[in-house]
N, C-alpha and C. Protein backbone atom coordinates (compact mmCIF):
# COMPACT_ATOMS: atom_id res chain seq x y z
N MET A 1 -1.46 11.48 -2.53
CA MET A 1 -0.91 12.12 -1.35
C MET A 1 -1.86 13.21 -0.88
N LYS A 2 -1.84 13.41 0.43
CA LYS A 2 -2.70 14.42 1.02
C LYS A 2 -1.84 15.53 1.61
N SER A 3 -2.12 16.76 1.27
CA SER A 3 -1.37 17.90 1.80
C SER A 3 -1.79 18.19 3.23
N THR A 4 -0.81 18.47 4.08
CA THR A 4 -1.10 18.83 5.47
C THR A 4 -1.18 20.33 5.63
N GLY A 5 -0.65 21.08 4.66
CA GLY A 5 -0.61 22.53 4.77
C GLY A 5 0.55 23.02 5.63
N ILE A 6 1.39 22.09 6.08
CA ILE A 6 2.54 22.45 6.92
C ILE A 6 3.75 22.70 6.02
N VAL A 7 4.43 23.81 6.25
CA VAL A 7 5.63 24.13 5.48
C VAL A 7 6.78 24.32 6.47
N ARG A 8 7.90 23.67 6.20
CA ARG A 8 9.09 23.80 7.04
C ARG A 8 10.29 24.11 6.16
N GLN A 9 11.29 24.79 6.73
CA GLN A 9 12.50 25.10 5.99
C GLN A 9 13.62 24.15 6.40
N ILE A 10 14.53 23.87 5.47
CA ILE A 10 15.71 23.08 5.76
C ILE A 10 16.71 23.99 6.46
N ASP A 11 17.27 23.54 7.61
CA ASP A 11 18.25 24.39 8.32
C ASP A 11 19.63 24.26 7.69
N ASN A 12 20.61 24.97 8.24
CA ASN A 12 21.94 24.99 7.62
C ASN A 12 22.67 23.65 7.73
N LEU A 13 22.16 22.70 8.52
CA LEU A 13 22.73 21.35 8.59
C LEU A 13 21.93 20.35 7.76
N GLY A 14 20.93 20.84 7.02
CA GLY A 14 20.13 19.97 6.15
C GLY A 14 18.99 19.27 6.87
N ARG A 15 18.63 19.72 8.05
CA ARG A 15 17.58 19.07 8.83
C ARG A 15 16.22 19.72 8.59
N VAL A 16 15.18 18.89 8.72
CA VAL A 16 13.80 19.36 8.66
C VAL A 16 13.09 18.80 9.89
N VAL A 17 12.36 19.63 10.60
CA VAL A 17 11.63 19.19 11.78
C VAL A 17 10.24 18.72 11.36
N ILE A 18 9.89 17.50 11.79
CA ILE A 18 8.53 16.99 11.58
C ILE A 18 7.71 17.47 12.78
N PRO A 19 6.66 18.25 12.55
CA PRO A 19 5.89 18.83 13.66
C PRO A 19 5.37 17.77 14.63
N LYS A 20 5.37 18.14 15.91
CA LYS A 20 4.93 17.24 16.98
C LYS A 20 3.52 16.69 16.73
N GLU A 21 2.62 17.56 16.27
CA GLU A 21 1.24 17.14 16.02
C GLU A 21 1.19 16.02 14.99
N LEU A 22 2.00 16.14 13.93
CA LEU A 22 2.03 15.14 12.87
C LEU A 22 2.66 13.84 13.37
N ARG A 23 3.74 13.95 14.15
CA ARG A 23 4.38 12.76 14.72
C ARG A 23 3.43 12.02 15.65
N LYS A 24 2.62 12.78 16.38
CA LYS A 24 1.66 12.16 17.30
C LYS A 24 0.58 11.41 16.53
N VAL A 25 0.04 12.03 15.49
CA VAL A 25 -1.00 11.40 14.67
C VAL A 25 -0.47 10.12 14.00
N LEU A 26 0.81 10.15 13.59
CA LEU A 26 1.41 9.01 12.88
C LEU A 26 2.09 8.03 13.83
N ASN A 27 1.96 8.24 15.15
CA ASN A 27 2.57 7.38 16.16
C ASN A 27 4.07 7.22 15.91
N MET A 28 4.77 8.36 15.87
CA MET A 28 6.21 8.38 15.64
C MET A 28 6.91 9.10 16.79
N PRO A 29 7.09 8.42 17.93
CA PRO A 29 7.76 9.07 19.06
C PRO A 29 9.23 9.33 18.75
N THR A 30 9.89 10.12 19.59
CA THR A 30 11.31 10.40 19.44
C THR A 30 12.08 9.09 19.34
N GLY A 31 12.98 9.03 18.38
CA GLY A 31 13.79 7.84 18.19
C GLY A 31 13.24 6.86 17.17
N THR A 32 12.05 7.13 16.62
CA THR A 32 11.48 6.25 15.60
C THR A 32 12.37 6.24 14.37
N PRO A 33 12.85 5.05 13.94
CA PRO A 33 13.68 5.02 12.73
C PRO A 33 12.81 5.23 11.48
N ILE A 34 13.33 5.98 10.53
CA ILE A 34 12.61 6.20 9.28
C ILE A 34 13.51 5.90 8.09
N GLU A 35 12.90 5.49 7.00
CA GLU A 35 13.61 5.29 5.73
C GLU A 35 13.27 6.47 4.85
N ILE A 36 14.21 6.85 4.00
CA ILE A 36 14.01 7.97 3.10
C ILE A 36 14.03 7.46 1.67
N TYR A 37 12.98 7.74 0.94
CA TYR A 37 12.85 7.34 -0.45
C TYR A 37 12.74 8.60 -1.31
N THR A 38 13.05 8.47 -2.57
CA THR A 38 12.79 9.55 -3.52
C THR A 38 11.99 8.99 -4.69
N LYS A 39 11.12 9.81 -5.22
CA LYS A 39 10.34 9.47 -6.41
C LYS A 39 10.15 10.76 -7.18
N SER A 40 10.77 10.81 -8.34
CA SER A 40 10.74 12.02 -9.14
C SER A 40 11.30 13.16 -8.29
N ASP A 41 10.54 14.20 -8.05
CA ASP A 41 11.03 15.30 -7.22
C ASP A 41 10.42 15.27 -5.81
N PHE A 42 9.95 14.10 -5.37
CA PHE A 42 9.37 13.94 -4.04
C PHE A 42 10.37 13.26 -3.11
N ILE A 43 10.37 13.64 -1.85
CA ILE A 43 11.09 12.96 -0.79
C ILE A 43 10.03 12.31 0.09
N ILE A 44 10.14 11.01 0.29
CA ILE A 44 9.14 10.26 1.04
C ILE A 44 9.79 9.70 2.30
N LEU A 45 9.20 9.99 3.45
CA LEU A 45 9.66 9.45 4.73
C LEU A 45 8.72 8.31 5.11
N HIS A 46 9.29 7.19 5.54
CA HIS A 46 8.50 6.01 5.85
C HIS A 46 9.04 5.39 7.13
N LYS A 47 8.15 4.96 8.04
CA LYS A 47 8.61 4.27 9.24
C LYS A 47 9.38 3.03 8.80
N TYR A 48 10.57 2.87 9.38
CA TYR A 48 11.41 1.73 9.02
C TYR A 48 10.89 0.46 9.68
N ARG A 49 10.85 -0.62 8.91
CA ARG A 49 10.50 -1.94 9.44
C ARG A 49 11.53 -2.93 8.92
N ASN A 50 11.98 -3.82 9.80
CA ASN A 50 12.89 -4.86 9.36
C ASN A 50 12.22 -5.70 8.28
N LYS A 51 13.00 -6.10 7.28
CA LYS A 51 12.48 -6.89 6.17
C LYS A 51 13.28 -8.17 6.05
N CYS A 52 12.62 -9.26 5.69
CA CYS A 52 13.27 -10.54 5.49
C CYS A 52 14.32 -10.42 4.39
N GLU A 53 15.50 -10.95 4.65
CA GLU A 53 16.61 -10.92 3.68
C GLU A 53 16.27 -11.67 2.40
N PHE A 54 15.38 -12.64 2.48
CA PHE A 54 15.09 -13.50 1.34
C PHE A 54 13.87 -13.05 0.52
N CYS A 55 12.76 -12.76 1.21
CA CYS A 55 11.53 -12.46 0.47
C CYS A 55 11.05 -11.01 0.62
N GLY A 56 11.62 -10.26 1.56
CA GLY A 56 11.23 -8.87 1.74
C GLY A 56 10.03 -8.66 2.64
N SER A 57 9.48 -9.73 3.21
CA SER A 57 8.32 -9.62 4.09
C SER A 57 8.67 -8.86 5.36
N THR A 58 7.70 -8.13 5.90
CA THR A 58 7.89 -7.44 7.18
C THR A 58 7.09 -8.12 8.29
N GLU A 59 6.41 -9.19 7.95
CA GLU A 59 5.57 -9.92 8.91
C GLU A 59 6.37 -11.01 9.62
N ASN A 60 6.23 -11.11 10.93
CA ASN A 60 6.83 -12.17 11.74
C ASN A 60 8.32 -12.37 11.45
N VAL A 61 9.10 -11.29 11.55
CA VAL A 61 10.52 -11.38 11.27
C VAL A 61 11.32 -11.56 12.56
N THR A 62 12.45 -12.25 12.43
CA THR A 62 13.36 -12.53 13.54
C THR A 62 14.77 -12.22 13.08
N GLU A 63 15.58 -11.70 13.99
CA GLU A 63 16.97 -11.46 13.63
C GLU A 63 17.80 -12.68 14.05
N PHE A 64 18.63 -13.17 13.13
CA PHE A 64 19.50 -14.32 13.38
C PHE A 64 20.86 -14.04 12.78
N LYS A 65 21.89 -13.99 13.61
CA LYS A 65 23.26 -13.72 13.17
C LYS A 65 23.34 -12.49 12.27
N ASN A 66 22.75 -11.40 12.76
CA ASN A 66 22.74 -10.10 12.07
C ASN A 66 21.99 -10.11 10.73
N LYS A 67 21.12 -11.07 10.54
CA LYS A 67 20.26 -11.15 9.35
C LYS A 67 18.82 -11.23 9.81
N VAL A 68 17.91 -10.62 9.06
CA VAL A 68 16.49 -10.66 9.38
C VAL A 68 15.82 -11.70 8.48
N VAL A 69 15.09 -12.64 9.11
CA VAL A 69 14.44 -13.72 8.38
C VAL A 69 13.01 -13.86 8.89
N CYS A 70 12.06 -14.02 7.96
CA CYS A 70 10.66 -14.22 8.36
C CYS A 70 10.44 -15.70 8.70
N ASN A 71 9.34 -15.98 9.38
CA ASN A 71 9.03 -17.36 9.79
C ASN A 71 8.91 -18.30 8.60
N ASN A 72 8.30 -17.84 7.52
CA ASN A 72 8.14 -18.71 6.34
C ASN A 72 9.49 -19.12 5.77
N CYS A 73 10.39 -18.17 5.59
CA CYS A 73 11.71 -18.49 5.04
C CYS A 73 12.53 -19.30 6.03
N LEU A 74 12.36 -19.02 7.32
CA LEU A 74 13.05 -19.79 8.34
C LEU A 74 12.63 -21.25 8.27
N ASN A 75 11.34 -21.50 8.12
CA ASN A 75 10.84 -22.88 7.98
C ASN A 75 11.37 -23.53 6.71
N ASP A 76 11.45 -22.76 5.61
CA ASP A 76 12.02 -23.29 4.37
C ASP A 76 13.48 -23.69 4.56
N LEU A 77 14.21 -22.85 5.29
CA LEU A 77 15.63 -23.14 5.56
C LEU A 77 15.79 -24.39 6.41
N LYS A 78 14.90 -24.58 7.37
CA LYS A 78 14.97 -25.75 8.22
C LYS A 78 14.79 -27.03 7.40
N GLY A 79 14.01 -26.94 6.31
CA GLY A 79 13.74 -28.10 5.47
C GLY A 79 14.88 -28.47 4.53
N LEU A 80 15.90 -27.64 4.45
CA LEU A 80 17.03 -27.93 3.54
C LEU A 80 17.91 -29.02 4.08
């Protein structure tokens, strides 16, 4: 991990502001969905991407009946 040198405080509602400069560099405009992970005592923010329900791939995914399926798994399903 690389330190940015930016320090922010958690407000009374538990929110933390991600600085505009950092959001711009990471291409995260207002409304960008993020996932929150924890590892040991770290909190990790990650841009959310739809993942295939079957294999977990984020490449070439399509939503079908409220489920996300990648092209490879979709082709496998067609062969059943």
